[in-house]
Protein backbone atom coordinates (compact mmCIF):
# COMPACT_ATOMS: atom_id res chain seq x y z
CA UNK A 1 2.34 14.53 15.77
CA UNK A 2 0.99 11.02 15.26
CA UNK A 3 -1.95 9.55 17.09
CA UNK A 4 -3.15 6.03 17.72
CA UNK A 5 -6.47 5.01 19.24
CA UNK A 6 -8.01 1.67 20.20
CA UNK A 7 -11.73 1.16 20.65
CA UNK A 8 -14.22 -1.65 21.15
CA UNK A 9 -15.94 -2.41 17.83
CA UNK A 10 -19.14 -3.54 19.54
CA UNK A 11 -19.92 -0.50 21.69
CA UNK A 12 -17.28 1.90 20.24
CA UNK A 13 -15.94 2.76 23.70
CA UNK A 14 -12.31 3.97 23.65
CA UNK A 15 -9.85 1.51 25.23
CA UNK A 16 -6.70 3.60 25.05
CA UNK A 17 -5.08 6.37 23.04
CA UNK A 18 -1.56 7.60 22.56
CA UNK A 19 0.19 10.55 20.92
CA UNK A 20 3.81 10.47 19.81
CA UNK A 21 6.13 12.69 17.76
CA UNK A 22 5.63 12.83 14.01
CA UNK A 23 9.35 12.28 13.51
CA UNK A 24 9.01 8.64 14.63
CA UNK A 25 8.30 6.43 11.63
CA UNK A 26 5.17 4.26 11.72
CA UNK A 27 7.07 0.99 11.25
CA UNK A 28 9.08 1.40 14.46
CA UNK A 29 6.22 2.89 16.48
CA UNK A 30 3.88 -0.06 16.00
CA UNK A 31 5.86 -2.46 18.20
CA UNK A 32 5.72 -0.06 21.16
CA UNK A 33 1.97 0.38 20.68
CA UNK A 34 1.49 -3.40 20.56
CA UNK A 35 3.46 -3.89 23.78
CA UNK A 36 1.39 -1.24 25.53
CA UNK A 37 -1.89 -2.85 24.42
CA UNK A 38 -0.65 -6.28 25.52
CA UNK A 39 0.32 -4.75 28.88
CA UNK A 40 -3.29 -3.63 29.40
CA UNK A 41 -4.38 -7.25 28.94
CA UNK A 42 -6.63 -6.68 25.93
CA UNK A 43 -7.34 -9.76 23.82
CA UNK A 44 -9.03 -10.49 20.49
CA UNK A 45 -7.34 -7.41 19.08
CA UNK A 46 -7.22 -6.57 15.37
CA UNK A 47 -5.36 -3.75 13.65
CA UNK A 48 -6.31 -1.77 10.55
CA UNK A 49 -3.01 -0.50 9.20
CA UNK A 50 -1.90 1.73 6.36
CA UNK A 51 0.99 1.05 3.96
CA UNK A 52 3.51 2.75 6.26
CA UNK A 53 3.29 0.00 8.87
CA UNK A 54 4.36 -2.90 6.66
CA UNK A 55 7.51 -4.69 7.78
CA UNK A 56 8.40 -8.32 8.36
CA UNK A 57 9.25 -7.57 12.01
CA UNK A 58 5.84 -5.97 12.62
CA UNK A 59 4.00 -8.92 11.06
CA UNK A 60 5.98 -11.43 13.11
CA UNK A 61 5.41 -9.46 16.32
CA UNK A 62 1.63 -9.32 15.72
CA UNK A 63 1.68 -13.07 15.07
CA UNK A 64 3.52 -13.66 18.35
CA UNK A 65 0.84 -11.62 20.18
CA UNK A 66 -1.92 -13.54 18.34
CA UNK A 67 -3.33 -10.25 16.98
CA UNK A 68 -5.15 -10.03 13.66
CA UNK A 69 -4.48 -7.37 11.05
CA UNK A 70 -5.96 -5.74 7.96
CA UNK A 71 -3.19 -4.02 6.04
CA UNK A 72 -3.17 -2.00 2.83
CA UNK A 73 -0.26 -2.77 0.49
CA UNK A 74 0.85 -1.01 -2.68
CA UNK A 75 -0.18 -2.72 -5.92
CA UNK A 76 3.30 -2.07 -7.30
CA UNK A 77 5.07 -3.60 -4.28
CA UNK A 78 7.28 -6.44 -5.49
CA UNK A 79 5.69 -9.10 -3.27
CA UNK A 80 2.16 -8.35 -4.45
CA UNK A 81 2.38 -7.29 -8.09
CA UNK A 82 3.23 -10.87 -9.10
CA UNK A 83 -0.07 -12.02 -7.59
CA UNK A 84 -1.95 -9.24 -9.36
CA UNK A 85 -0.39 -10.11 -12.73
CA UNK A 86 -1.13 -13.81 -12.15
CA UNK A 87 -4.85 -13.16 -11.55
CA UNK A 88 -5.33 -10.20 -13.90
CA UNK A 89 -8.40 -10.71 -16.06
CA UNK A 90 -10.08 -13.19 -13.69
CA UNK A 91 -12.32 -10.81 -11.75
CA UNK A 92 -12.36 -7.23 -13.13
CA UNK A 93 -15.74 -7.58 -14.86
CA UNK A 94 -17.35 -10.46 -12.99
CA UNK A 95 -20.52 -9.26 -11.28
CA UNK A 96 -19.98 -11.78 -8.48
CA UNK A 97 -16.76 -9.87 -7.68
CA UNK A 98 -18.40 -6.43 -7.68
CA UNK A 99 -18.24 -4.37 -4.47
CA UNK A 100 -20.97 -1.90 -5.34
CA UNK A 101 -20.49 0.51 -2.44
CA UNK A 102 -17.04 1.45 -3.78
CA UNK A 103 -17.53 0.66 -7.50
CA UNK A 104 -14.64 -1.74 -7.20
CA UNK A 105 -14.08 -5.37 -8.17
CA UNK A 106 -12.15 -7.74 -5.93
CA UNK A 107 -11.10 -11.32 -5.37
CA UNK A 108 -9.25 -13.21 -2.61
CA UNK A 109 -6.28 -15.58 -2.86
CA UNK A 110 -4.20 -17.36 -0.22
CA UNK A 111 -0.43 -16.85 -0.27
CA UNK A 112 2.65 -16.32 1.90
CA UNK A 113 3.55 -12.75 2.75
CA UNK A 114 7.31 -13.36 2.53
CA UNK A 115 9.55 -16.28 1.56
CA UNK A 116 9.90 -17.87 5.01
CA UNK A 117 6.41 -16.97 6.24
CA UNK A 118 4.97 -19.84 8.27
CA UNK A 119 1.34 -18.78 7.89
CA UNK A 120 -0.98 -18.42 4.91
CA UNK A 121 -2.31 -14.88 4.52
CA UNK A 122 -5.34 -13.71 2.59
CA UNK A 123 -4.56 -11.34 -0.26
CA UNK A 124 -7.57 -9.35 -1.44
CA UNK A 125 -6.84 -7.96 -4.90
CA UNK A 126 -8.90 -5.04 -6.22
CA UNK A 127 -9.35 -3.11 -9.44
CA UNK A 128 -11.13 0.24 -9.66
CA UNK A 129 -11.77 1.67 -13.15
CA UNK A 130 -11.79 5.31 -12.01
CA UNK A 131 -8.52 4.82 -10.13
CA UNK A 132 -7.08 3.06 -13.17
CA UNK A 133 -7.77 6.02 -15.45
CA UNK A 134 -6.39 8.64 -13.04
CA UNK A 135 -3.24 6.64 -12.22
CA UNK A 136 -2.46 6.01 -15.89
CA UNK A 137 -2.92 9.71 -16.66
CA UNK A 138 -0.65 10.65 -13.74
CA UNK A 139 2.05 8.20 -14.82
CA UNK A 140 1.94 9.41 -18.44
CA UNK A 141 2.17 13.03 -17.24
CA UNK A 142 5.14 12.18 -14.99
CA UNK A 143 6.94 10.52 -17.89
CA UNK A 144 6.28 13.56 -20.11
CA UNK A 145 7.69 15.88 -17.43
CA UNK A 146 10.81 13.73 -17.02
CA UNK A 147 11.39 13.68 -20.78
CA UNK A 148 11.00 17.46 -21.00
CA UNK A 149 13.54 17.89 -18.18
CA UNK A 150 16.01 15.51 -19.85
CA UNK A 151 15.65 17.29 -23.20
CA UNK A 152 16.39 20.57 -21.42
CA UNK A 153 19.66 19.43 -19.84
CA UNK A 154 21.16 17.47 -22.76
CA UNK A 155 24.85 18.24 -23.15
CA UNK A 156 25.18 19.70 -19.64
CA UNK A 157 26.84 18.37 -16.51
CA UNK A 158 23.89 17.05 -14.55
CA UNK A 159 23.12 14.02 -12.39
CA UNK A 160 19.47 13.01 -12.61
CA UNK A 161 17.63 11.49 -9.60
CA UNK A 162 17.40 7.71 -9.23
CA UNK A 163 13.71 7.80 -10.14
CA UNK A 164 14.66 8.66 -13.74
CA UNK A 165 16.82 5.54 -13.96
CA UNK A 166 13.80 3.42 -13.05
CA UNK A 167 11.96 4.46 -16.22
CA UNK A 168 14.81 5.34 -18.60
CA UNK A 169 18.25 4.10 -19.65
CA UNK A 170 20.43 7.19 -19.21
CA UNK A 171 23.57 8.00 -21.18
CA UNK A 172 26.40 10.06 -19.65
CA UNK A 173 29.81 11.00 -21.02
CA UNK A 174 32.37 12.60 -18.71
CA UNK A 175 29.62 13.70 -16.30
CA UNK A 176 27.60 15.28 -19.10
CA UNK A 177 24.09 13.99 -19.79
CA UNK A 178 23.68 13.01 -23.41
CA UNK A 179 20.47 11.04 -23.87
CA UNK A 180 17.86 8.57 -22.71
CA UNK A 181 15.81 5.61 -23.83
CA UNK A 182 12.57 4.33 -22.33
CA UNK A 183 12.61 1.11 -20.33
CA UNK A 184 9.53 -0.13 -22.14
CA UNK A 185 9.09 -3.30 -20.06
CA UNK A 186 9.07 -1.31 -16.80
CA UNK A 187 6.63 1.32 -18.08
CA UNK A 188 4.28 -1.23 -19.65
CA UNK A 189 4.16 -3.26 -16.41
CA UNK A 190 3.37 -0.17 -14.33
CA UNK A 191 0.66 0.90 -16.79
CA UNK A 192 -0.89 -2.56 -16.44
CA UNK A 193 -0.85 -2.27 -12.63
CA UNK A 194 -2.60 1.12 -12.58
CA UNK A 195 -5.92 0.92 -10.75
CA UNK A 196 -4.98 -2.21 -8.81
CA UNK A 197 -4.37 -2.36 -5.07
CA UNK A 198 -4.37 -5.03 -2.41
CA UNK A 199 -5.26 -5.58 1.23
CA UNK A 200 -3.68 -8.39 3.25
CA UNK A 201 -5.52 -9.91 6.20
CA UNK A 202 -4.44 -12.48 8.75
CA UNK A 203 -7.99 -13.77 9.13
CA UNK A 204 -10.07 -15.41 6.41
CA UNK A 205 -12.69 -13.04 4.99
CA UNK A 206 -14.10 -11.93 1.64
CA UNK A 207 -12.65 -9.12 -0.46
CA UNK A 208 -15.76 -7.06 0.33
CA UNK A 209 -15.39 -7.57 4.11
CA UNK A 210 -11.70 -6.62 4.00
CA UNK A 211 -12.39 -3.42 2.04
CA UNK A 212 -15.26 -2.43 4.35
CA UNK A 213 -13.01 -2.92 7.40
CA UNK A 214 -10.21 -0.88 5.86
CA UNK A 215 -12.56 1.91 4.81
CA UNK A 216 -13.97 2.09 8.36
CA UNK A 217 -10.74 3.75 9.47
CA UNK A 218 -11.52 6.75 7.23
CA UNK A 219 -13.88 8.22 9.85
CA UNK A 220 -11.18 8.25 12.52
CA UNK A 221 -8.56 9.50 10.08
CA UNK A 222 -10.73 12.41 8.93
CA UNK A 223 -11.40 13.41 12.55
CA UNK A 224 -7.69 13.36 13.38
CA UNK A 225 -6.89 15.22 10.17
CA UNK A 226 -9.38 17.93 11.11
CA UNK A 227 -7.90 18.27 14.61
CA UNK A 228 -4.36 18.50 13.21
CA UNK A 229 -5.43 21.20 10.76
């Protein structure tokens, strides 16, 4: 199952809640939830959304309803990693950019969310040293596992998953796998992006405010997770 809940931030009174089947993807479910909330007549609504809700249609629909949003996006997502690379080195050790509660550094830049976006959004870019170390270690371990698997199947008829092609140039001959070569530019870029993540908001706020808002959903998520378990 999936569950959505709306509550008043001032007095924390529930406004509405809804359960729906887990087989319905988050991206398509959001529009129905928005229509229901609009039907109740609620105004000054803001949404704190996870990565799964990102789509151009959802953003445009929230804009049409005049609803604000705080949305987590993947640091490796194509539309955000360019911004991260552009500003890399500008904030990661500046004390003015430190968000002490989460041992994270962050900065905010204005940009369009997609090519024909009519509104400026606020991209809050973050770097967390602990996350950086764990993500790099995980990526290196994944690459080692893939190489071990490819060494094992050399000379055999075998079609590797698409994920392998992202990191390696693969050589086949008459359906037999014969070898591989690292895509160094791809791997180096992903290693550089380890530890970075971003939050996009429709409303102007600081990187610290955006992260605090996003983290506030953890309490609800942990309660739902406990109930599901």
